C-alpha atoms as a PDB file:
ATOM      1  CA  UNK A   1     -78.631 -30.947 -24.868  1.00  0.00           C
ATOM      2  CA  UNK A   2     -75.436 -30.619 -26.925  1.00  0.00           C
ATOM      3  CA  UNK A   3     -75.020 -27.104 -28.353  1.00  0.00           C
ATOM      4  CA  UNK A   4     -77.522 -25.497 -25.941  1.00  0.00           C
ATOM      5  CA  UNK A   5     -76.664 -23.311 -22.939  1.00  0.00           C
ATOM      6  CA  UNK A   6     -79.515 -21.740 -21.055  1.00  0.00           C
ATOM      7  CA  UNK A   7     -79.518 -17.980 -20.692  1.00  0.00           C
ATOM      8  CA  UNK A   8     -83.046 -17.340 -19.535  1.00  0.00           C
ATOM      9  CA  UNK A   9     -82.595 -16.956 -15.785  1.00  0.00           C
ATOM     10  CA  UNK A  10     -85.194 -14.839 -13.954  1.00  0.00           C
ATOM     11  CA  UNK A  11     -86.135 -14.631 -10.344  1.00  0.00           C
ATOM     12  CA  UNK A  12     -89.656 -14.686  -8.978  1.00  0.00           C
ATOM     13  CA  UNK A  13     -91.344 -11.334  -9.605  1.00  0.00           C
ATOM     14  CA  UNK A  14     -88.978 -10.300 -12.443  1.00  0.00           C
ATOM     15  CA  UNK A  15     -90.573  -8.944 -15.574  1.00  0.00           C
ATOM     16  CA  UNK A  16     -90.401 -11.211 -18.631  1.00  0.00           C
ATOM     17  CA  UNK A  17     -90.174  -9.509 -21.983  1.00  0.00           C
ATOM     18  CA  UNK A  18     -90.811 -10.957 -25.403  1.00  0.00           C
ATOM     19  CA  UNK A  19     -87.133 -10.550 -26.139  1.00  0.00           C
ATOM     20  CA  UNK A  20     -86.287 -13.020 -23.374  1.00  0.00           C
ATOM     21  CA  UNK A  21     -88.461 -15.705 -24.960  1.00  0.00           C
ATOM     22  CA  UNK A  22     -87.107 -14.969 -28.428  1.00  0.00           C
ATOM     23  CA  UNK A  23     -83.448 -15.270 -27.374  1.00  0.00           C
ATOM     24  CA  UNK A  24     -84.026 -18.516 -25.631  1.00  0.00           C
ATOM     25  CA  UNK A  25     -86.041 -19.878 -28.595  1.00  0.00           C
ATOM     26  CA  UNK A  26     -83.199 -18.935 -30.961  1.00  0.00           C
ATOM     27  CA  UNK A  27     -80.715 -20.887 -28.798  1.00  0.00           C
ATOM     28  CA  UNK A  28     -82.996 -23.936 -28.874  1.00  0.00           C
ATOM     29  CA  UNK A  29     -83.411 -23.726 -32.602  1.00  0.00           C
ATOM     30  CA  UNK A  30     -79.673 -23.498 -33.148  1.00  0.00           C
ATOM     31  CA  UNK A  31     -79.119 -26.534 -30.948  1.00  0.00           C
ATOM     32  CA  UNK A  32     -81.378 -28.610 -33.147  1.00  0.00           C
ATOM     33  CA  UNK A  33     -79.831 -27.286 -36.374  1.00  0.00           C
ATOM     34  CA  UNK A  34     -78.316 -29.002 -38.234  1.00  0.00           C
ATOM     35  CA  UNK A  35     -77.322 -32.031 -36.157  1.00  0.00           C
ATOM     36  CA  UNK A  36     -79.752 -31.959 -33.229  1.00  0.00           C
ATOM     37  CA  UNK A  37     -78.877 -34.344 -30.504  1.00  0.00           C
ATOM     38  CA  UNK A  38     -78.136 -38.042 -30.364  1.00  0.00           C
ATOM     39  CA  UNK A  39     -80.015 -39.443 -27.455  1.00  0.00           C
ATOM     40  CA  UNK A  40     -76.867 -41.339 -26.434  1.00  0.00           C
ATOM     41  CA  UNK A  41     -77.427 -40.910 -22.741  1.00  0.00           C
ATOM     42  CA  UNK A  42     -74.446 -38.505 -22.268  1.00  0.00           C
ATOM     43  CA  UNK A  43     -74.642 -35.134 -20.514  1.00  0.00           C
ATOM     44  CA  UNK A  44     -76.280 -32.499 -22.705  1.00  0.00           C
ATOM     45  CA  UNK A  45     -77.995 -35.137 -24.862  1.00  0.00           C
ATOM     46  CA  UNK A  46     -81.203 -37.033 -24.545  1.00  0.00           C
ATOM     47  CA  UNK A  47     -81.451 -40.472 -22.978  1.00  0.00           C
ATOM     48  CA  UNK A  48     -81.656 -43.689 -24.919  1.00  0.00           C
ATOM     49  CA  UNK A  49     -84.830 -44.337 -26.866  1.00  0.00           C
ATOM     50  CA  UNK A  50     -86.041 -47.958 -26.350  1.00  0.00           C
ATOM     51  CA  UNK A  51     -89.273 -47.548 -28.273  1.00  0.00           C
ATOM     52  CA  UNK A  52     -90.044 -45.914 -31.634  1.00  0.00           C
ATOM     53  CA  UNK A  53     -93.563 -46.032 -33.035  1.00  0.00           C
ATOM     54  CA  UNK A  54     -96.282 -44.157 -34.792  1.00  0.00           C
ATOM     55  CA  UNK A  55     -99.063 -42.293 -32.990  1.00  0.00           C
ATOM     56  CA  UNK A  56    -101.175 -45.413 -32.055  1.00  0.00           C
ATOM     57  CA  UNK A  57     -98.095 -47.631 -31.339  1.00  0.00           C
ATOM     58  CA  UNK A  58     -99.204 -50.129 -33.949  1.00  0.00           C
ATOM     59  CA  UNK A  59     -96.041 -49.797 -36.078  1.00  0.00           C
ATOM     60  CA  UNK A  60     -93.052 -49.872 -33.853  1.00  0.00           C
ATOM     61  CA  UNK A  61     -89.476 -50.956 -33.139  1.00  0.00           C
ATOM     62  CA  UNK A  62     -88.746 -51.883 -29.506  1.00  0.00           C
ATOM     63  CA  UNK A  63     -85.581 -52.864 -27.638  1.00  0.00           C
ATOM     64  CA  UNK A  64     -85.778 -55.285 -24.769  1.00  0.00           C
ATOM     65  CA  UNK A  65     -82.749 -55.298 -22.410  1.00  0.00           C
ATOM     66  CA  UNK A  66     -84.094 -58.181 -20.375  1.00  0.00           C
ATOM     67  CA  UNK A  67     -84.405 -60.531 -23.341  1.00  0.00           C
ATOM     68  CA  UNK A  68     -81.540 -58.910 -25.264  1.00  0.00           C
ATOM     69  CA  UNK A  69     -83.602 -58.575 -28.430  1.00  0.00           C
ATOM     70  CA  UNK A  70     -85.234 -56.101 -30.827  1.00  0.00           C
ATOM     71  CA  UNK A  71     -88.803 -56.612 -32.030  1.00  0.00           C
ATOM     72  CA  UNK A  72     -90.448 -55.086 -35.085  1.00  0.00           C
ATOM     73  CA  UNK A  73     -94.244 -54.751 -35.225  1.00  0.00           C
ATOM     74  CA  UNK A  74     -96.723 -53.565 -37.836  1.00  0.00           C
ATOM     75  CA  UNK A  75    -100.436 -52.999 -37.732  1.00  0.00           C
ATOM     76  CA  UNK A  76    -102.632 -55.989 -38.731  1.00  0.00           C
ATOM     77  CA  UNK A  77    -106.381 -56.151 -38.155  1.00  0.00           C
ATOM     78  CA  UNK A  78    -106.241 -52.850 -36.263  1.00  0.00           C
ATOM     79  CA  UNK A  79    -103.672 -53.919 -33.635  1.00  0.00           C
ATOM     80  CA  UNK A  80     -99.937 -54.184 -33.357  1.00  0.00           C
ATOM     81  CA  UNK A  81     -98.612 -57.572 -34.541  1.00  0.00           C
ATOM     82  CA  UNK A  82     -94.998 -58.565 -33.797  1.00  0.00           C
ATOM     83  CA  UNK A  83     -93.418 -59.656 -37.113  1.00  0.00           C
ATOM     84  CA  UNK A  84     -89.678 -60.081 -36.600  1.00  0.00           C
ATOM     85  CA  UNK A  85     -87.406 -60.633 -33.568  1.00  0.00           C
ATOM     86  CA  UNK A  86     -83.636 -59.965 -33.773  1.00  0.00           C
ATOM     87  CA  UNK A  87     -81.493 -61.893 -31.255  1.00  0.00           C
ATOM     88  CA  UNK A  88     -77.811 -62.687 -31.099  1.00  0.00           C
ATOM     89  CA  UNK A  89     -77.152 -64.401 -34.459  1.00  0.00           C
ATOM     90  CA  UNK A  90     -80.906 -64.893 -35.278  1.00  0.00           C
ATOM     91  CA  UNK A  91     -83.524 -63.081 -37.191  1.00  0.00           C
ATOM     92  CA  UNK A  92     -86.745 -64.907 -36.228  1.00  0.00           C
ATOM     93  CA  UNK A  93     -90.378 -64.571 -37.516  1.00  0.00           C
ATOM     94  CA  UNK A  94     -92.732 -64.174 -34.535  1.00  0.00           C
ATOM     95  CA  UNK A  95     -95.166 -66.695 -36.127  1.00  0.00           C
ATOM     96  CA  UNK A  96     -94.092 -69.668 -38.188  1.00  0.00           C
ATOM     97  CA  UNK A  97     -95.005 -69.225 -41.844  1.00  0.00           C
ATOM     98  CA  UNK A  98     -96.323 -65.688 -41.329  1.00  0.00           C
ATOM     99  CA  UNK A  99     -93.511 -63.549 -42.823  1.00  0.00           C
ATOM    100  CA  UNK A 100     -92.456 -63.684 -46.490  1.00  0.00           C
ATOM    101  CA  UNK A 101     -89.066 -62.497 -47.816  1.00  0.00           C
ATOM    102  CA  UNK A 102     -89.957 -60.524 -50.916  1.00  0.00           C
ATOM    103  CA  UNK A 103     -93.061 -60.866 -53.121  1.00  0.00           C
ATOM    104  CA  UNK A 104     -93.700 -62.255 -56.645  1.00  0.00           C
ATOM    105  CA  UNK A 105     -93.246 -58.681 -57.926  1.00  0.00           C
ATOM    106  CA  UNK A 106     -90.348 -57.563 -55.685  1.00  0.00           C
ATOM    107  CA  UNK A 107     -87.669 -60.095 -55.107  1.00  0.00           C
ATOM    108  CA  UNK A 108     -84.385 -60.107 -53.202  1.00  0.00           C
ATOM    109  CA  UNK A 109     -81.056 -60.364 -55.108  1.00  0.00           C
ATOM    110  CA  UNK A 110     -78.510 -63.076 -54.546  1.00  0.00           C
ATOM    111  CA  UNK A 111     -78.962 -65.320 -51.508  1.00  0.00           C
ATOM    112  CA  UNK A 112     -75.697 -66.278 -49.772  1.00  0.00           C
ATOM    113  CA  UNK A 113     -76.122 -68.935 -47.127  1.00  0.00           C
ATOM    114  CA  UNK A 114     -74.124 -71.715 -45.594  1.00  0.00           C
ATOM    115  CA  UNK A 115     -77.153 -73.943 -44.990  1.00  0.00           C
ATOM    116  CA  UNK A 116     -80.749 -73.774 -46.206  1.00  0.00           C
ATOM    117  CA  UNK A 117     -83.423 -75.841 -44.294  1.00  0.00           C
ATOM    118  CA  UNK A 118     -86.899 -75.761 -45.642  1.00  0.00           C
ATOM    119  CA  UNK A 119     -90.099 -77.790 -45.499  1.00  0.00           C
ATOM    120  CA  UNK A 120     -91.158 -77.085 -49.120  1.00  0.00           C
ATOM    121  CA  UNK A 121     -89.246 -75.610 -52.038  1.00  0.00           C
ATOM    122  CA  UNK A 122     -91.678 -74.152 -54.605  1.00  0.00           C
ATOM    123  CA  UNK A 123     -90.629 -72.771 -57.978  1.00  0.00           C
ATOM    124  CA  UNK A 124     -92.339 -70.096 -60.004  1.00  0.00           C
ATOM    125  CA  UNK A 125     -93.790 -72.783 -62.291  1.00  0.00           C
ATOM    126  CA  UNK A 126     -95.709 -74.199 -59.345  1.00  0.00           C
ATOM    127  CA  UNK A 127     -93.583 -77.408 -59.064  1.00  0.00           C
ATOM    128  CA  UNK A 128     -92.821 -78.361 -55.473  1.00  0.00           C
ATOM    129  CA  UNK A 129     -89.997 -80.258 -53.895  1.00  0.00           C
ATOM    130  CA  UNK A 130     -90.371 -81.350 -50.252  1.00  0.00           C
ATOM    131  CA  UNK A 131     -88.077 -84.324 -49.927  1.00  0.00           C
ATOM    132  CA  UNK A 132     -84.850 -85.713 -51.278  1.00  0.00           C
ATOM    133  CA  UNK A 133     -84.899 -89.505 -51.787  1.00  0.00           C
ATOM    134  CA  UNK A 134     -81.831 -91.815 -51.500  1.00  0.00           C
ATOM    135  CA  UNK A 135     -83.400 -94.869 -53.157  1.00  0.00           C
ATOM    136  CA  UNK A 136     -81.397 -97.030 -55.495  1.00  0.00           C
ATOM    137  CA  UNK A 137     -84.587 -98.442 -57.096  1.00  0.00           C
ATOM    138  CA  UNK A 138     -86.630 -95.206 -57.290  1.00  0.00           C
ATOM    139  CA  UNK A 139     -89.480 -97.058 -55.564  1.00  0.00           C
ATOM    140  CA  UNK A 140     -91.250 -93.958 -54.344  1.00  0.00           C
ATOM    141  CA  UNK A 141     -91.978 -92.715 -57.909  1.00  0.00           C
ATOM    142  CA  UNK A 142     -92.476 -89.298 -56.371  1.00  0.00           C
ATOM    143  CA  UNK A 143     -93.526 -86.189 -58.311  1.00  0.00           C
ATOM    144  CA  UNK A 144     -92.270 -83.814 -55.555  1.00  0.00           C
ATOM    145  CA  UNK A 145     -89.045 -85.601 -54.509  1.00  0.00           C
ATOM    146  CA  UNK A 146     -85.489 -85.228 -55.765  1.00  0.00           C
ATOM    147  CA  UNK A 147     -82.950 -88.034 -55.943  1.00  0.00           C
ATOM    148  CA  UNK A 148     -79.369 -88.065 -54.692  1.00  0.00           C
ATOM    149  CA  UNK A 149     -76.498 -88.510 -57.139  1.00  0.00           C
ATOM    150  CA  UNK A 150     -75.614 -91.861 -55.574  1.00  0.00           C
ATOM    151  CA  UNK A 151     -79.130 -93.253 -56.072  1.00  0.00           C
ATOM    152  CA  UNK A 152     -79.239 -92.061 -59.709  1.00  0.00           C
ATOM    153  CA  UNK A 153     -75.916 -93.677 -60.436  1.00  0.00           C
ATOM    154  CA  UNK A 154     -76.949 -96.975 -58.704  1.00  0.00           C
ATOM    155  CA  UNK A 155     -80.210 -97.063 -60.661  1.00  0.00           C
ATOM    156  CA  UNK A 156     -78.437 -96.443 -63.996  1.00  0.00           C
ATOM    157  CA  UNK A 157     -75.700 -98.986 -63.248  1.00  0.00           C
ATOM    158  CA  UNK A 158     -78.267-101.639 -62.326  1.00  0.00           C
ATOM    159  CA  UNK A 159     -80.419-100.921 -65.395  1.00  0.00           C
ATOM    160  CA  UNK A 160     -77.401-101.023 -67.731  1.00  0.00           C
ATOM    161  CA  UNK A 161     -76.097-104.289 -66.290  1.00  0.00           C
ATOM    162  CA  UNK A 162     -79.500-105.870 -66.748  1.00  0.00           C
ATOM    163  CA  UNK A 163     -79.817-104.819 -70.369  1.00  0.00           C
ATOM    164  CA  UNK A 164     -77.514-106.911 -72.658  1.00  0.00           C
ATOM    165  CA  UNK A 165     -77.256-105.954 -76.269  1.00  0.00           C
ATOM    166  CA  UNK A 166     -76.832-102.252 -75.586  1.00  0.00           C
ATOM    167  CA  UNK A 167     -73.815-100.946 -77.425  1.00  0.00           C
ATOM    168  CA  UNK A 168     -71.795 -97.898 -76.621  1.00  0.00           C
ATOM    169  CA  UNK A 169     -70.495 -97.456 -80.145  1.00  0.00           C
ATOM    170  CA  UNK A 170     -70.175 -99.211 -83.501  1.00  0.00           C
ATOM    171  CA  UNK A 171     -67.745 -98.849 -86.463  1.00  0.00           C
ATOM    172  CA  UNK A 172     -67.894-100.305 -89.935  1.00  0.00           C
ATOM    173  CA  UNK A 173     -65.536-100.480 -92.873  1.00  0.00           C
ATOM    174  CA  UNK A 174     -65.658-102.206 -96.296  1.00  0.00           C
ATOM    175  CA  UNK A 175     -62.917-102.923 -98.714  1.00  0.00           C
ATOM    176  CA  UNK A 176     -63.616-104.052-102.275  1.00  0.00           C
ATOM    177  CA  UNK A 177     -60.301-104.384-104.036  1.00  0.00           C
ATOM    178  CA  UNK A 178     -58.232-107.453-104.970  1.00  0.00           C
ATOM    179  CA  UNK A 179     -55.133-108.249-103.036  1.00  0.00           C
ATOM    180  CA  UNK A 180     -52.721-110.934-104.175  1.00  0.00           C
ATOM    181  CA  UNK A 181     -51.828-113.170-101.256  1.00  0.00           C
ATOM    182  CA  UNK A 182     -48.791-115.198-100.214  1.00  0.00           C
ATOM    183  CA  UNK A 183     -48.299-117.846 -97.659  1.00  0.00           C
ATOM    184  CA  UNK A 184     -47.926-115.204 -94.865  1.00  0.00           C
ATOM    185  CA  UNK A 185     -50.729-113.501 -93.048  1.00  0.00           C
ATOM    186  CA  UNK A 186     -51.210-109.948 -94.467  1.00  0.00           C
ATOM    187  CA  UNK A 187     -53.431-107.022 -93.232  1.00  0.00           C
ATOM    188  CA  UNK A 188     -56.447-106.487 -95.447  1.00  0.00           C
ATOM    189  CA  UNK A 189     -58.959-104.370 -93.402  1.00  0.00           C
ATOM    190  CA  UNK A 190     -58.253-102.500 -90.095  1.00  0.00           C
ATOM    191  CA  UNK A 191     -60.489-100.451 -87.848  1.00  0.00           C
ATOM    192  CA  UNK A 192     -59.269 -98.379 -84.857  1.00  0.00           C
ATOM    193  CA  UNK A 193     -61.764 -98.166 -81.922  1.00  0.00           C
ATOM    194  CA  UNK A 194     -61.430 -96.223 -78.692  1.00  0.00           C
ATOM    195  CA  UNK A 195     -62.897 -97.812 -75.589  1.00  0.00           C
ATOM    196  CA  UNK A 196     -64.083 -95.200 -73.054  1.00  0.00           C
ATOM    197  CA  UNK A 197     -64.562 -97.657 -70.218  1.00  0.00           C
ATOM    198  CA  UNK A 198     -63.977-101.338 -69.487  1.00  0.00           C
ATOM    199  CA  UNK A 199     -65.984-103.211 -72.080  1.00  0.00           C
ATOM    200  CA  UNK A 200     -65.869-105.986 -74.664  1.00  0.00           C
ATOM    201  CA  UNK A 201     -65.718-105.711 -78.432  1.00  0.00           C
ATOM    202  CA  UNK A 202     -67.669-107.922 -80.852  1.00  0.00           C
ATOM    203  CA  UNK A 203     -66.153-108.150 -84.369  1.00  0.00           C
ATOM    204  CA  UNK A 204     -68.243-109.418 -87.301  1.00  0.00           C
ATOM    205  CA  UNK A 205     -66.397-109.976 -90.610  1.00  0.00           C
ATOM    206  CA  UNK A 206     -67.348-111.294 -94.002  1.00  0.00           C
ATOM    207  CA  UNK A 207     -64.742-112.171 -96.649  1.00  0.00           C
ATOM    208  CA  UNK A 208     -65.434-113.112-100.349  1.00  0.00           C
ATOM    209  CA  UNK A 209     -63.114-115.129-102.574  1.00  0.00           C
ATOM    210  CA  UNK A 210     -61.233-113.984-105.619  1.00  0.00           C
ATOM    211  CA  UNK A 211     -62.730-113.182-109.048  1.00  0.00           C
ATOM    212  CA  UNK A 212     -60.332-115.526-110.751  1.00  0.00           C
ATOM    213  CA  UNK A 213     -60.873-119.171-111.432  1.00  0.00           C
ATOM    214  CA  UNK A 214     -58.036-121.028-109.779  1.00  0.00           C
ATOM    215  CA  UNK A 215     -57.610-123.886-107.396  1.00  0.00           C
ATOM    216  CA  UNK A 216     -56.482-121.791-104.464  1.00  0.00           C
ATOM    217  CA  UNK A 217     -58.420-120.645-101.424  1.00  0.00           C
ATOM    218  CA  UNK A 218     -58.105-117.880 -98.772  1.00  0.00           C
ATOM    219  CA  UNK A 219     -57.469-118.298 -95.062  1.00  0.00           C
ATOM    220  CA  UNK A 220     -58.923-115.439 -92.959  1.00  0.00           C
ATOM    221  CA  UNK A 221     -58.567-114.473 -89.269  1.00  0.00           C
ATOM    222  CA  UNK A 222     -59.414-111.466 -87.015  1.00  0.00           C
ATOM    223  CA  UNK A 223     -56.601-110.002 -84.936  1.00  0.00           C
ATOM    224  CA  UNK A 224     -56.416-107.530 -81.995  1.00  0.00           C
ATOM    225  CA  UNK A 225     -53.642-104.978 -82.319  1.00  0.00           C
ATOM    226  CA  UNK A 226     -52.076-106.995 -85.075  1.00  0.00           C
ATOM    227  CA  UNK A 227     -50.789-109.844 -82.889  1.00  0.00           C
ATOM    228  CA  UNK A 228     -53.583-111.445 -80.848  1.00  0.00           C
ATOM    229  CA  UNK A 229     -55.710-113.793 -82.928  1.00  0.00           C
ATOM    230  CA  UNK A 230     -59.415-113.770 -82.037  1.00  0.00           C
ATOM    231  CA  UNK A 231     -60.766-117.304 -82.288  1.00  0.00           C
ATOM    232  CA  UNK A 232     -58.876-120.471 -83.017  1.00  0.00           C
ATOM    233  CA  UNK A 233     -60.846-121.839 -85.933  1.00  0.00           C
ATOM    234  CA  UNK A 234     -59.421-121.616 -89.411  1.00  0.00           C
ATOM    235  CA  UNK A 235     -61.758-119.667 -91.724  1.00  0.00           C
ATOM    236  CA  UNK A 236     -61.512-120.653 -95.428  1.00  0.00           C
ATOM    237  CA  UNK A 237     -62.902-118.852 -98.416  1.00  0.00           C
ATOM    238  CA  UNK A 238     -62.902-121.068-101.460  1.00  0.00           C
ATOM    239  CA  UNK A 239     -62.108-119.557-104.838  1.00  0.00           C
ATOM    240  CA  UNK A 240     -64.968-119.090-107.190  1.00  0.00           C
ATOM    241  CA  UNK A 241     -65.843-121.818-109.699  1.00  0.00           C
ATOM    242  CA  UNK A 242     -66.547-120.945-113.313  1.00  0.00           C
ATOM    243  CA  UNK A 243     -69.530-122.891-114.533  1.00  0.00           C
ATOM    244  CA  UNK A 244     -70.002-124.171-118.036  1.00  0.00           C
ATOM    245  CA  UNK A 245     -72.730-121.555-118.430  1.00  0.00           C
ATOM    246  CA  UNK A 246     -70.195-118.829-117.960  1.00  0.00           C
ATOM    247  CA  UNK A 247     -71.428-117.860-114.519  1.00  0.00           C
ATOM    248  CA  UNK A 248     -68.981-117.645-111.571  1.00  0.00           C
ATOM    249  CA  UNK A 249     -69.850-118.890-108.113  1.00  0.00           C
ATOM    250  CA  UNK A 250     -67.976-116.967-105.427  1.00  0.00           C
ATOM    251  CA  UNK A 251     -66.973-118.442-102.123  1.00  0.00           C
ATOM    252  CA  UNK A 252     -67.373-116.394 -98.913  1.00  0.00           C
ATOM    253  CA  UNK A 253     -67.190-116.853 -95.060  1.00  0.00           C
ATOM    254  CA  UNK A 254     -68.421-114.964 -92.035  1.00  0.00           C
ATOM    255  CA  UNK A 255     -66.602-114.688 -88.735  1.00  0.00           C
ATOM    256  CA  UNK A 256     -67.980-113.490 -85.396  1.00  0.00           C
ATOM    257  CA  UNK A 257     -65.450-113.080 -82.542  1.00  0.00           C
ATOM    258  CA  UNK A 258     -65.509-111.315 -79.189  1.00  0.00           C
ATOM    259  CA  UNK A 259     -62.670-109.959 -77.027  1.00  0.00           C
ATOM    260  CA  UNK A 260     -62.556-108.250 -73.635  1.00  0.00           C
ATOM    261  CA  UNK A 261     -63.344-106.809 -71.312  1.00  0.00           C
ATOM    262  CA  UNK A 262     -60.712-104.280 -72.292  1.00  0.00           C
ATOM    263  CA  UNK A 263     -59.412-101.385 -70.222  1.00  0.00           C
ATOM    264  CA  UNK A 264     -60.027 -97.867 -71.537  1.00  0.00           C
ATOM    265  CA  UNK A 265     -57.792 -97.148 -74.511  1.00  0.00           C
ATOM    266  CA  UNK A 266     -57.400 -97.404 -78.290  1.00  0.00           C
ATOM    267  CA  UNK A 267     -57.289-100.716 -80.134  1.00  0.00           C
ATOM    268  CA  UNK A 268     -56.884-101.951 -83.726  1.00  0.00           C
ATOM    269  CA  UNK A 269     -59.086-104.747 -85.013  1.00  0.00           C
ATOM    270  CA  UNK A 270     -57.756-106.274 -88.311  1.00  0.00           C
ATOM    271  CA  UNK A 271     -58.841-108.897 -90.856  1.00  0.00           C
ATOM    272  CA  UNK A 272     -55.713-110.747 -91.944  1.00  0.00           C
ATOM    273  CA  UNK A 273     -55.583-113.056 -94.961  1.00  0.00           C
ATOM    274  CA  UNK A 274     -53.131-115.526 -96.552  1.00  0.00           C
ATOM    275  CA  UNK A 275     -53.416-117.909 -99.482  1.00  0.00           C
ATOM    276  CA  UNK A 276     -54.280-121.509 -98.835  1.00  0.00           C
ATOM    277  CA  UNK A 277     -53.154-123.459-101.854  1.00  0.00           C
ATOM    278  CA  UNK A 278     -52.112-121.496-104.830  1.00  0.00           C
ATOM    279  CA  UNK A 279     -52.835-118.048-106.268  1.00  0.00           C
ATOM    280  CA  UNK A 280     -55.297-116.931-103.608  1.00  0.00           C
ATOM    281  CA  UNK A 281     -56.692-113.490-104.140  1.00  0.00           C
ATOM    282  CA  UNK A 282     -59.067-111.601-101.883  1.00  0.00           C
ATOM    283  CA  UNK A 283     -62.003-109.784-103.516  1.00  0.00           C
ATOM    284  CA  UNK A 284     -63.728-107.875-100.750  1.00  0.00           C
ATOM    285  CA  UNK A 285     -64.398-107.841 -97.034  1.00  0.00           C
ATOM    286  CA  UNK A 286     -66.644-106.135 -94.510  1.00  0.00           C
ATOM    287  CA  UNK A 287     -65.753-105.563 -90.847  1.00  0.00           C
ATOM    288  CA  UNK A 288     -68.217-104.378 -88.176  1.00  0.00           C
ATOM    289  CA  UNK A 289     -67.154-103.590 -84.562  1.00  0.00           C
ATOM    290  CA  UNK A 290     -69.571-103.278 -81.661  1.00  0.00           C
ATOM    291  CA  UNK A 291     -68.499-102.088 -78.215  1.00  0.00           C
ATOM    292  CA  UNK A 292     -70.600-103.683 -75.549  1.00  0.00           C
ATOM    293  CA  UNK A 293     -71.795-101.632 -72.576  1.00  0.00           C
ATOM    294  CA  UNK A 294     -69.869-102.297 -69.422  1.00  0.00           C
END
């Protein structure tokens, strides 16, 4: 034992005094205080301890040189029950599903793992997840299954493609002021729209004629970015006619045009007007843009 050297050395028939025992006891006490010995198998220390347990050996830690493992046991139903086995790179429960990590009241902190494999994942709310589906049509309709990102995207893409009339955005502008016209096309109302993805734009425009009584009329068209004319039909707005009763009948026209699909970007949609005949004057116009879903 480290720190202890025997001094009690008597031959047969020698007298043993109390002082002999006391001195030897003091040496033993000093050897155990404060560091004791390490049981590391070296000279002067104790041998290795392969088994540590309580008095009845029901709660124990045991090393096994043959299997190269350490087992930990606790008492259950009055006998020792092996709970955990530590091997090279593995901490294994002795019985599947018999050992919990933490309790509802006492939980572990952060879990750092490369891979987690489990049969059932249960949350505190009671919801369970035991499978991850990769189904583009969500046919399982499962209450305990998750879906992969790919299957969610495929489902949404399919549903969107099958649902015409769903618009990503809309914009509206109204102008109600007179504008004297000439024989050249001139901008009257413009809306700028930003397309987030490849899609088409539907433009709906209404134009009313002038508030003056003259023989002219207005020619109206819708343009993309000021240069590309949407639609090929000439749209005329006749000037109002003053009746003998003093009432005025206003002329108007409605245009519906579509363009696209357009790449992501920003585009200007414009109502352009020019006089057709003489003294054409625009009174008001409304322009509505709808971006169709891709």
